[in-house]
Amino acid sequence: MINKILIATDFSKNATHARNYGLNLANTLKADVVIFNAYEIPISLMGTHTFRNYKDIFKKNSVNRLGEEIIESKGLFKNINISCEYVCDVSENAILERCKNSDIGLVVLGSKGGSKILKKLFGGTCTGIINKTKTPLIIVPLSSKIKIPKNIILATGFYINKTLFITLKELATRFFSKIDIITVLSKKENEKSILTKQLEINSILKSEIKSTLHVFHIINNDSIENGILEYIENNNVDLLTVIPKHKNFWENLIKTSISKKLVNSSIIPLLILPEKN
C-alpha cells in the first residue's frame, strides 16, 4: 500500500511541476506527502572559517523555501497531510537514505532541474538513483500533463515479477486504469515463440494475481527505445513503466545512453518499479 509519497524538490520550475503531479496522485491515493529538500554546501567552502555561516544560510534558505512549498501545496489540496523534511547532503544519497525507512511507498522527481543530481540522473548510462532505488519512483517531465494516469504501459521482455505486478495492479485499481504490456521485437525474433510466452504469463497473471486489467502488444522495431516511443506517440498513454533489474531488457535500454533518449523524448511520466534484492 502506498500510504506516504516523498516529493523531492530543488525548488526549480521542473520540481514544482513534479510536486503538483505528486500531490494529485496523493489526493487520489489518500496518501500523506513529504516534501523533501537536500541542500549541498559548495566544496570550495569546505574547511574554511566561513563554512558554518554558509551552512546556516543554506539551512535557513531550505527551511524558508519548504515553508512556501507547504503553503502552496495546501492551497492546491487542503485535505492532504503534508509535511516537509530537509537535510544537508548530496541529493541522490539523501533520497536513497530517506527511503530506507519503509514508510515511503513512492518517490516523485522532476526529470530536469537546476540541481546537479537531476543532471546526473539522465546522463551517461543512467546509473544514479534509478538503478539504486528500492522504492517505486516516478520521473515527471515538465511537458507532462498533471492528471491521474488512466492508460499505463509496462515495457518488458516477458519478465513478470509477481510482487512488482501487484504494486502496479494496486495503482491501476486505485486509479481505475488499464495496463498494456508491450514488448519490442526485432525482425530476427520468432513471434510464434513470443506468443507462447505471452500465454504463459497471461495464465500467471489471471490465476495467481487475479489480474484482468492487462492487454499484450507486440511491436516490431529493431530499436527498443524507438519502438516504445512510437507506441506512445500513436496511443493514448499516460504512464510508462519499466523494471530496471530485468537485466536483458534494461541493459539494452541503457546502452549508448538510450535511457536518456527515452526519458528526454517522452512527454509522459516514467514509473520505475525496482526489485528489493
C-alpha atoms as a PDB file:
ATOM      1  CA  MET A   1       0.000   0.000   0.000  1.00  0.00           C
ATOM      2  CA  ILE A   2       1.212   3.487  -0.864  1.00  0.00           C
ATOM      3  CA  ASN A   3       0.420   5.500   2.247  1.00  0.00           C
ATOM      4  CA  LYS A   4       3.134   8.139   2.001  1.00  0.00           C
ATOM      5  CA  ILE A   5       4.724   9.833  -1.018  1.00  0.00           C
ATOM      6  CA  LEU A   6       8.088  11.588  -0.939  1.00  0.00           C
ATOM      7  CA  ILE A   7       8.313  14.507  -3.376  1.00  0.00           C
ATOM      8  CA  ALA A   8      11.905  15.667  -3.816  1.00  0.00           C
ATOM      9  CA  THR A   9      12.453  19.308  -4.717  1.00  0.00           C
ATOM     10  CA  ASP A  10      15.259  21.669  -5.599  1.00  0.00           C
ATOM     11  CA  PHE A  11      12.670  24.476  -5.894  1.00  0.00           C
ATOM     12  CA  SER A  12      13.068  24.659  -9.678  1.00  0.00           C
ATOM     13  CA  LYS A  13      10.208  25.044 -12.155  1.00  0.00           C
ATOM     14  CA  ASN A  14      10.509  21.369 -13.026  1.00  0.00           C
ATOM     15  CA  ALA A  15      10.407  20.326  -9.382  1.00  0.00           C
ATOM     16  CA  THR A  16       7.281  22.418  -8.818  1.00  0.00           C
ATOM     17  CA  HIS A  17       5.586  20.689 -11.741  1.00  0.00           C
ATOM     18  CA  ALA A  18       6.569  17.273 -10.333  1.00  0.00           C
ATOM     19  CA  ARG A  19       5.308  18.363  -6.908  1.00  0.00           C
ATOM     20  CA  ASN A  20       1.892  19.203  -8.307  1.00  0.00           C
ATOM     21  CA  TYR A  21       1.810  15.892 -10.176  1.00  0.00           C
ATOM     22  CA  GLY A  22       2.689  14.032  -6.974  1.00  0.00           C
ATOM     23  CA  LEU A  23       0.095  15.942  -4.941  1.00  0.00           C
ATOM     24  CA  ASN A  24      -2.558  14.991  -7.470  1.00  0.00           C
ATOM     25  CA  LEU A  25      -1.616  11.310  -7.105  1.00  0.00           C
ATOM     26  CA  ALA A  26      -1.592  11.593  -3.312  1.00  0.00           C
ATOM     27  CA  ASN A  27      -5.047  13.147  -3.333  1.00  0.00           C
ATOM     28  CA  THR A  28      -6.451  10.156  -5.229  1.00  0.00           C
ATOM     29  CA  LEU A  29      -4.472   7.583  -3.224  1.00  0.00           C
ATOM     30  CA  LYS A  30      -5.368   9.335   0.064  1.00  0.00           C
ATOM     31  CA  ALA A  31      -1.657   9.255   0.893  1.00  0.00           C
ATOM     32  CA  ASP A  32       0.402  11.589   3.080  1.00  0.00           C
ATOM     33  CA  VAL A  33       3.108  13.689   1.416  1.00  0.00           C
ATOM     34  CA  VAL A  34       6.651  14.587   2.480  1.00  0.00           C
ATOM     35  CA  ILE A  35       8.208  17.436   0.503  1.00  0.00           C
ATOM     36  CA  PHE A  36      11.942  16.767   0.712  1.00  0.00           C
ATOM     37  CA  ASN A  37      14.921  19.031   0.030  1.00  0.00           C
ATOM     38  CA  ALA A  38      18.604  18.113   0.189  1.00  0.00           C
ATOM     39  CA  TYR A  39      20.978  21.067   0.058  1.00  0.00           C
ATOM     40  CA  GLU A  40      24.703  20.913  -0.570  1.00  0.00           C
ATOM     41  CA  ILE A  41      27.463  23.214   0.624  1.00  0.00           C
ATOM     42  CA  PRO A  42      29.885  24.069  -2.228  1.00  0.00           C
ATOM     43  CA  ILE A  43      33.130  22.110  -1.950  1.00  0.00           C
ATOM     44  CA  SER A  44      35.089  25.365  -2.216  1.00  0.00           C
ATOM     45  CA  LEU A  45      33.723  26.395   1.192  1.00  0.00           C
ATOM     46  CA  MET A  46      34.658  23.189   2.999  1.00  0.00           C
ATOM     47  CA  GLY A  47      37.251  23.681   5.708  1.00  0.00           C
ATOM     48  CA  THR A  48      37.011  27.468   5.654  1.00  0.00           C
ATOM     49  CA  HIS A  49      36.213  29.603   8.696  1.00  0.00           C
ATOM     50  CA  THR A  50      33.031  30.745   6.958  1.00  0.00           C
ATOM     51  CA  PHE A  51      31.751  27.205   6.430  1.00  0.00           C
ATOM     52  CA  ARG A  52      29.480  27.230   9.494  1.00  0.00           C
ATOM     53  CA  ASN A  53      27.961  30.572   8.459  1.00  0.00           C
ATOM     54  CA  TYR A  54      27.258  29.292   4.966  1.00  0.00           C
ATOM     55  CA  LYS A  55      25.795  26.077   6.347  1.00  0.00           C
ATOM     56  CA  ASP A  56      23.364  28.136   8.440  1.00  0.00           C
ATOM     57  CA  ILE A  57      22.475  30.245   5.400  1.00  0.00           C
ATOM     58  CA  PHE A  58      21.780  27.190   3.234  1.00  0.00           C
ATOM     59  CA  LYS A  59      19.749  25.587   6.001  1.00  0.00           C
ATOM     60  CA  LYS A  60      17.674  28.738   6.538  1.00  0.00           C
ATOM     61  CA  ASN A  61      17.013  29.005   2.803  1.00  0.00           C
ATOM     62  CA  SER A  62      15.866  25.373   2.681  1.00  0.00           C
ATOM     63  CA  VAL A  63      13.535  25.829   5.664  1.00  0.00           C
ATOM     64  CA  ASN A  64      12.044  29.044   4.267  1.00  0.00           C
ATOM     65  CA  ARG A  65      11.519  27.618   0.787  1.00  0.00           C
ATOM     66  CA  LEU A  66       9.947  24.456   2.182  1.00  0.00           C
ATOM     67  CA  GLY A  67       7.577  26.627   4.217  1.00  0.00           C
ATOM     68  CA  GLU A  68       6.490  28.277   0.972  1.00  0.00           C
ATOM     69  CA  GLU A  69       6.059  24.824  -0.606  1.00  0.00           C
ATOM     70  CA  ILE A  70       3.716  23.778   2.217  1.00  0.00           C
ATOM     71  CA  ILE A  71       1.594  26.916   1.819  1.00  0.00           C
ATOM     72  CA  GLU A  72       1.346  26.486  -1.966  1.00  0.00           C
ATOM     73  CA  SER A  73       0.582  22.773  -1.662  1.00  0.00           C
ATOM     74  CA  LYS A  74      -2.113  23.301   0.958  1.00  0.00           C
ATOM     75  CA  GLY A  75      -3.646  25.893  -1.333  1.00  0.00           C
ATOM     76  CA  LEU A  76      -3.970  23.250  -4.030  1.00  0.00           C
ATOM     77  CA  PHE A  77      -5.022  20.265  -1.908  1.00  0.00           C
ATOM     78  CA  LYS A  78      -6.398  21.096   1.519  1.00  0.00           C
ATOM     79  CA  ASN A  79      -7.200  17.502   2.505  1.00  0.00           C
ATOM     80  CA  ILE A  80      -3.689  16.054   2.143  1.00  0.00           C
ATOM     81  CA  ASN A  81      -1.479  15.660   5.205  1.00  0.00           C
ATOM     82  CA  ILE A  82       1.688  17.462   4.020  1.00  0.00           C
ATOM     83  CA  SER A  83       4.970  17.759   5.905  1.00  0.00           C
ATOM     84  CA  CYS A  84       8.484  18.799   4.916  1.00  0.00           C
ATOM     85  CA  GLU A  85      11.971  17.499   5.616  1.00  0.00           C
ATOM     86  CA  TYR A  86      15.444  18.806   4.794  1.00  0.00           C
ATOM     87  CA  VAL A  87      18.988  17.505   5.076  1.00  0.00           C
ATOM     88  CA  CYS A  88      22.492  18.696   4.224  1.00  0.00           C
ATOM     89  CA  ASP A  89      23.721  16.026   1.828  1.00  0.00           C
ATOM     90  CA  VAL A  90      24.136  15.124  -1.827  1.00  0.00           C
ATOM     91  CA  SER A  91      20.615  14.837  -3.230  1.00  0.00           C
ATOM     92  CA  GLU A  92      20.947  11.294  -4.556  1.00  0.00           C
ATOM     93  CA  ASN A  93      22.363   9.975  -1.284  1.00  0.00           C
ATOM     94  CA  ALA A  94      19.779  11.829   0.786  1.00  0.00           C
ATOM     95  CA  ILE A  95      16.798  10.497  -1.182  1.00  0.00           C
ATOM     96  CA  LEU A  96      18.061   6.909  -1.108  1.00  0.00           C
ATOM     97  CA  GLU A  97      18.835   7.118   2.613  1.00  0.00           C
ATOM     98  CA  ARG A  98      15.431   8.600   3.449  1.00  0.00           C
ATOM     99  CA  CYS A  99      13.665   5.871   1.520  1.00  0.00           C
ATOM    100  CA  LYS A 100      15.313   3.159   3.599  1.00  0.00           C
ATOM    101  CA  ASN A 101      12.544   3.938   6.050  1.00  0.00           C
ATOM    102  CA  SER A 102       9.685   1.729   4.916  1.00  0.00           C
ATOM    103  CA  ASP A 103       7.073   4.460   5.412  1.00  0.00           C
ATOM    104  CA  ILE A 104       7.769   5.856   1.933  1.00  0.00           C
ATOM    105  CA  GLY A 105       5.779   3.988  -0.718  1.00  0.00           C
ATOM    106  CA  LEU A 106       6.539   6.183  -3.744  1.00  0.00           C
ATOM    107  CA  VAL A 107       9.081   8.849  -4.730  1.00  0.00           C
ATOM    108  CA  VAL A 108       8.316  11.631  -7.219  1.00  0.00           C
ATOM    109  CA  LEU A 109      11.067  13.570  -9.037  1.00  0.00           C
ATOM    110  CA  GLY A 110      11.191  16.147 -11.812  1.00  0.00           C
ATOM    111  CA  SER A 111      13.218  14.998 -14.819  1.00  0.00           C
ATOM    112  CA  LYS A 112      15.084  18.242 -15.388  1.00  0.00           C
ATOM    113  CA  GLY A 113      16.043  20.602 -12.618  1.00  0.00           C
ATOM    114  CA  GLY A 114      18.665  23.055 -11.555  1.00  0.00           C
ATOM    115  CA  SER A 115      20.413  20.679  -9.175  1.00  0.00           C
ATOM    116  CA  LYS A 116      23.420  18.586 -10.162  1.00  0.00           C
ATOM    117  CA  ILE A 117      21.756  15.322  -9.223  1.00  0.00           C
ATOM    118  CA  LEU A 118      18.955  15.701 -11.738  1.00  0.00           C
ATOM    119  CA  LYS A 119      21.520  16.284 -14.465  1.00  0.00           C
ATOM    120  CA  LYS A 120      23.384  13.172 -13.382  1.00  0.00           C
ATOM    121  CA  LEU A 121      20.222  11.062 -13.361  1.00  0.00           C
ATOM    122  CA  PHE A 122      19.774  11.209 -17.099  1.00  0.00           C
ATOM    123  CA  GLY A 123      23.335  11.474 -18.257  1.00  0.00           C
ATOM    124  CA  GLY A 124      25.680   8.647 -19.227  1.00  0.00           C
ATOM    125  CA  THR A 125      24.210   5.241 -18.507  1.00  0.00           C
ATOM    126  CA  CYS A 126      21.584   6.433 -16.067  1.00  0.00           C
ATOM    127  CA  THR A 127      23.243   4.722 -13.090  1.00  0.00           C
ATOM    128  CA  GLY A 128      22.129   7.142 -10.374  1.00  0.00           C
ATOM    129  CA  ILE A 129      19.028   6.841  -8.290  1.00  0.00           C
ATOM    130  CA  ILE A 130      17.098   4.863 -10.911  1.00  0.00           C
ATOM    131  CA  ASN A 131      19.321   1.799 -10.559  1.00  0.00           C
ATOM    132  CA  LYS A 132      19.818   2.155  -6.805  1.00  0.00           C
ATOM    133  CA  THR A 133      16.342   2.876  -5.502  1.00  0.00           C
ATOM    134  CA  LYS A 134      14.433   0.184  -3.648  1.00  0.00           C
ATOM    135  CA  THR A 135      11.271   2.303  -3.669  1.00  0.00           C
ATOM    136  CA  PRO A 136       8.941   2.819  -6.656  1.00  0.00           C
ATOM    137  CA  LEU A 137       9.910   6.063  -8.372  1.00  0.00           C
ATOM    138  CA  ILE A 138       8.082   8.333 -10.813  1.00  0.00           C
ATOM    139  CA  ILE A 139      10.104  10.680 -13.031  1.00  0.00           C
ATOM    140  CA  VAL A 140       7.902  13.571 -14.200  1.00  0.00           C
ATOM    141  CA  PRO A 141       8.848  15.544 -17.357  1.00  0.00           C
ATOM    142  CA  LEU A 142       7.997  19.242 -17.371  1.00  0.00           C
ATOM    143  CA  SER A 143       5.920  18.733 -20.525  1.00  0.00           C
ATOM    144  CA  SER A 144       3.701  16.058 -18.960  1.00  0.00           C
ATOM    145  CA  LYS A 145       0.111  16.761 -18.010  1.00  0.00           C
ATOM    146  CA  ILE A 146      -0.940  16.770 -14.367  1.00  0.00           C
ATOM    147  CA  LYS A 147      -3.528  14.013 -14.392  1.00  0.00           C
ATOM    148  CA  ILE A 148      -4.282  10.606 -12.962  1.00  0.00           C
ATOM    149  CA  PRO A 149      -2.839   8.000 -15.363  1.00  0.00           C
ATOM    150  CA  LYS A 150      -5.673   6.052 -16.920  1.00  0.00           C
ATOM    151  CA  ASN A 151      -3.646   4.260 -19.575  1.00  0.00           C
ATOM    152  CA  ILE A 152      -0.474   2.638 -18.225  1.00  0.00           C
ATOM    153  CA  ILE A 153       2.055   0.663 -20.247  1.00  0.00           C
ATOM    154  CA  LEU A 154       4.611  -1.795 -18.894  1.00  0.00           C
ATOM    155  CA  ALA A 155       7.576  -2.201 -21.239  1.00  0.00           C
ATOM    156  CA  THR A 156       9.158  -5.603 -20.655  1.00  0.00           C
ATOM    157  CA  GLY A 157      10.846  -8.509 -22.384  1.00  0.00           C
ATOM    158  CA  PHE A 158       8.375 -11.049 -20.957  1.00  0.00           C
ATOM    159  CA  TYR A 159       9.590 -10.740 -17.428  1.00  0.00           C
ATOM    160  CA  ILE A 160       6.853 -10.554 -14.808  1.00  0.00           C
ATOM    161  CA  ASN A 161       7.797 -10.259 -11.154  1.00  0.00           C
ATOM    162  CA  LYS A 162       4.613 -11.114  -9.280  1.00  0.00           C
ATOM    163  CA  THR A 163       5.298  -8.714  -6.403  1.00  0.00           C
ATOM    164  CA  LEU A 164       6.031  -5.827  -8.742  1.00  0.00           C
ATOM    165  CA  PHE A 165       2.971  -6.523 -10.822  1.00  0.00           C
ATOM    166  CA  ILE A 166       0.853  -6.488  -7.668  1.00  0.00           C
ATOM    167  CA  THR A 167       2.222  -2.977  -6.976  1.00  0.00           C
ATOM    168  CA  LEU A 168       1.352  -1.905 -10.499  1.00  0.00           C
ATOM    169  CA  LYS A 169      -2.050  -3.549 -10.210  1.00  0.00           C
ATOM    170  CA  GLU A 170      -2.699  -1.617  -6.972  1.00  0.00           C
ATOM    171  CA  LEU A 171      -2.032   1.669  -8.736  1.00  0.00           C
ATOM    172  CA  ALA A 172      -4.153   0.691 -11.722  1.00  0.00           C
ATOM    173  CA  THR A 173      -7.023  -0.421  -9.476  1.00  0.00           C
ATOM    174  CA  ARG A 174      -6.996   2.735  -7.369  1.00  0.00           C
ATOM    175  CA  PHE A 175      -6.661   4.936 -10.457  1.00  0.00           C
ATOM    176  CA  PHE A 176      -9.307   2.937 -12.383  1.00  0.00           C
ATOM    177  CA  SER A 177      -6.668   2.470 -15.075  1.00  0.00           C
ATOM    178  CA  LYS A 178      -5.830  -0.234 -17.590  1.00  0.00           C
ATOM    179  CA  ILE A 179      -2.395  -1.788 -18.180  1.00  0.00           C
ATOM    180  CA  ASP A 180      -0.921  -2.572 -21.590  1.00  0.00           C
ATOM    181  CA  ILE A 181       2.138  -4.841 -21.593  1.00  0.00           C
ATOM    182  CA  ILE A 182       4.339  -4.079 -24.582  1.00  0.00           C
ATOM    183  CA  THR A 183       7.354  -5.931 -25.954  1.00  0.00           C
ATOM    184  CA  VAL A 184       9.524  -4.699 -28.814  1.00  0.00           C
ATOM    185  CA  LEU A 185      10.663  -7.424 -31.221  1.00  0.00           C
ATOM    186  CA  SER A 186      13.308  -7.170 -33.911  1.00  0.00           C
ATOM    187  CA  LYS A 187      12.677  -8.764 -37.277  1.00  0.00           C
ATOM    188  CA  LYS A 188      15.028 -11.611 -36.335  1.00  0.00           C
ATOM    189  CA  GLU A 189      12.971 -12.759 -33.352  1.00  0.00           C
ATOM    190  CA  ASN A 190      10.462 -15.585 -33.574  1.00  0.00           C
ATOM    191  CA  GLU A 191       6.982 -14.159 -32.992  1.00  0.00           C
ATOM    192  CA  LYS A 192       5.448 -17.615 -32.542  1.00  0.00           C
ATOM    193  CA  SER A 193       7.679 -18.407 -29.528  1.00  0.00           C
ATOM    194  CA  ILE A 194       6.863 -14.957 -28.125  1.00  0.00           C
ATOM    195  CA  LEU A 195       3.141 -15.683 -28.346  1.00  0.00           C
ATOM    196  CA  THR A 196       3.713 -18.862 -26.337  1.00  0.00           C
ATOM    197  CA  LYS A 197       5.440 -16.818 -23.612  1.00  0.00           C
ATOM    198  CA  GLN A 198       2.549 -14.369 -23.681  1.00  0.00           C
ATOM    199  CA  LEU A 199       0.088 -17.156 -22.978  1.00  0.00           C
ATOM    200  CA  GLU A 200       2.210 -18.439 -20.080  1.00  0.00           C
ATOM    201  CA  ILE A 201       2.438 -15.002 -18.463  1.00  0.00           C
ATOM    202  CA  ASN A 202      -1.211 -14.327 -19.111  1.00  0.00           C
ATOM    203  CA  SER A 203      -2.089 -17.517 -17.237  1.00  0.00           C
ATOM    204  CA  ILE A 204       0.084 -16.471 -14.262  1.00  0.00           C
ATOM    205  CA  LEU A 205      -1.441 -13.010 -14.093  1.00  0.00           C
ATOM    206  CA  LYS A 206      -5.004 -14.275 -14.230  1.00  0.00           C
ATOM    207  CA  SER A 207      -4.660 -17.276 -11.901  1.00  0.00           C
ATOM    208  CA  GLU A 208      -2.187 -16.058  -9.261  1.00  0.00           C
ATOM    209  CA  ILE A 209      -2.568 -12.277  -9.299  1.00  0.00           C
ATOM    210  CA  LYS A 210      -6.224 -12.228 -10.367  1.00  0.00           C
ATOM    211  CA  SER A 211      -5.482  -9.501 -12.887  1.00  0.00           C
ATOM    212  CA  THR A 212      -7.758  -8.933 -15.855  1.00  0.00           C
ATOM    213  CA  LEU A 213      -6.634  -5.332 -16.415  1.00  0.00           C
ATOM    214  CA  HIS A 214      -3.786  -6.137 -18.804  1.00  0.00           C
ATOM    215  CA  VAL A 215      -3.507  -6.431 -22.592  1.00  0.00           C
ATOM    216  CA  PHE A 216      -0.422  -7.621 -24.519  1.00  0.00           C
ATOM    217  CA  HIS A 217       1.040  -5.813 -27.522  1.00  0.00           C
ATOM    218  CA  ILE A 218       3.950  -6.826 -29.747  1.00  0.00           C
ATOM    219  CA  ILE A 219       5.790  -4.003 -31.509  1.00  0.00           C
ATOM    220  CA  ASN A 220       8.051  -4.748 -34.465  1.00  0.00           C
ATOM    221  CA  ASN A 221      11.060  -2.460 -34.378  1.00  0.00           C
ATOM    222  CA  ASP A 222      14.797  -3.108 -34.378  1.00  0.00           C
ATOM    223  CA  SER A 223      15.234  -0.347 -31.794  1.00  0.00           C
ATOM    224  CA  ILE A 224      13.687  -0.868 -28.348  1.00  0.00           C
ATOM    225  CA  GLU A 225      13.528   2.818 -27.471  1.00  0.00           C
ATOM    226  CA  ASN A 226      12.122   3.814 -30.863  1.00  0.00           C
ATOM    227  CA  GLY A 227       9.510   1.086 -30.605  1.00  0.00           C
ATOM    228  CA  ILE A 228       8.403   2.324 -27.184  1.00  0.00           C
ATOM    229  CA  LEU A 229       8.358   5.986 -28.261  1.00  0.00           C
ATOM    230  CA  GLU A 230       6.427   5.109 -31.418  1.00  0.00           C
ATOM    231  CA  TYR A 231       3.830   3.263 -29.367  1.00  0.00           C
ATOM    232  CA  ILE A 232       3.496   6.233 -27.005  1.00  0.00           C
ATOM    233  CA  GLU A 233       3.077   8.630 -29.933  1.00  0.00           C
ATOM    234  CA  ASN A 234       0.394   6.509 -31.577  1.00  0.00           C
ATOM    235  CA  ASN A 235      -1.586   5.638 -28.461  1.00  0.00           C
ATOM    236  CA  ASN A 236      -3.148   7.491 -25.570  1.00  0.00           C
ATOM    237  CA  VAL A 237      -0.539   6.631 -22.911  1.00  0.00           C
ATOM    238  CA  ASP A 238      -0.342   8.375 -19.529  1.00  0.00           C
ATOM    239  CA  LEU A 239       2.427   6.451 -17.742  1.00  0.00           C
ATOM    240  CA  LEU A 240       5.366   4.331 -18.919  1.00  0.00           C
ATOM    241  CA  THR A 241       6.563   1.610 -16.511  1.00  0.00           C
ATOM    242  CA  VAL A 242       9.913  -0.214 -16.561  1.00  0.00           C
ATOM    243  CA  ILE A 243      11.717  -2.664 -14.250  1.00  0.00           C
ATOM    244  CA  PRO A 244      15.428  -1.703 -14.012  1.00  0.00           C
ATOM    245  CA  LYS A 245      16.735  -5.040 -12.702  1.00  0.00           C
ATOM    246  CA  HIS A 246      15.278  -7.005 -15.573  1.00  0.00           C
ATOM    247  CA  LYS A 247      18.778  -7.387 -16.971  1.00  0.00           C
ATOM    248  CA  ASN A 248      18.233  -8.256 -20.612  1.00  0.00           C
ATOM    249  CA  PHE A 249      15.624  -5.608 -21.269  1.00  0.00           C
ATOM    250  CA  TRP A 250      17.017  -2.814 -19.083  1.00  0.00           C
ATOM    251  CA  GLU A 251      20.652  -3.293 -20.144  1.00  0.00           C
ATOM    252  CA  ASN A 252      19.562  -2.952 -23.748  1.00  0.00           C
ATOM    253  CA  LEU A 253      17.821   0.283 -22.814  1.00  0.00           C
ATOM    254  CA  ILE A 254      20.822   1.849 -21.065  1.00  0.00           C
ATOM    255  CA  LYS A 255      23.429   1.008 -23.702  1.00  0.00           C
ATOM    256  CA  THR A 256      24.658   4.109 -25.537  1.00  0.00           C
ATOM    257  CA  SER A 257      22.566   6.379 -23.325  1.00  0.00           C
ATOM    258  CA  ILE A 258      19.292   5.032 -24.698  1.00  0.00           C
ATOM    259  CA  SER A 259      17.539   5.696 -21.407  1.00  0.00           C
ATOM    260  CA  LYS A 260      18.461   9.382 -21.724  1.00  0.00           C
ATOM    261  CA  LYS A 261      16.828   9.484 -25.142  1.00  0.00           C
ATOM    262  CA  LEU A 262      13.790   7.605 -23.878  1.00  0.00           C
ATOM    263  CA  VAL A 263      13.185   9.953 -20.942  1.00  0.00           C
ATOM    264  CA  ASN A 264      14.064  13.177 -22.743  1.00  0.00           C
ATOM    265  CA  SER A 265      11.903  12.266 -25.741  1.00  0.00           C
ATOM    266  CA  SER A 266       8.923  11.173 -23.705  1.00  0.00           C
ATOM    267  CA  ILE A 267       6.243  13.632 -22.649  1.00  0.00           C
ATOM    268  CA  ILE A 268       4.749  11.223 -20.125  1.00  0.00           C
ATOM    269  CA  PRO A 269       5.948  10.252 -16.637  1.00  0.00           C
ATOM    270  CA  LEU A 270       8.163   7.206 -16.176  1.00  0.00           C
ATOM    271  CA  LEU A 271       7.443   4.754 -13.337  1.00  0.00           C
ATOM    272  CA  ILE A 272      10.419   2.732 -12.089  1.00  0.00           C
ATOM    273  CA  LEU A 273       9.452  -0.488 -10.278  1.00  0.00           C
ATOM    274  CA  PRO A 274      12.586  -1.748  -8.516  1.00  0.00           C
ATOM    275  CA  GLU A 275      13.108  -5.217  -7.163  1.00  0.00           C
ATOM    276  CA  LYS A 276      14.023  -5.367  -3.483  1.00  0.00           C
ATOM    277  CA  ASN A 277      17.052  -7.610  -3.963  1.00  0.00           C
END
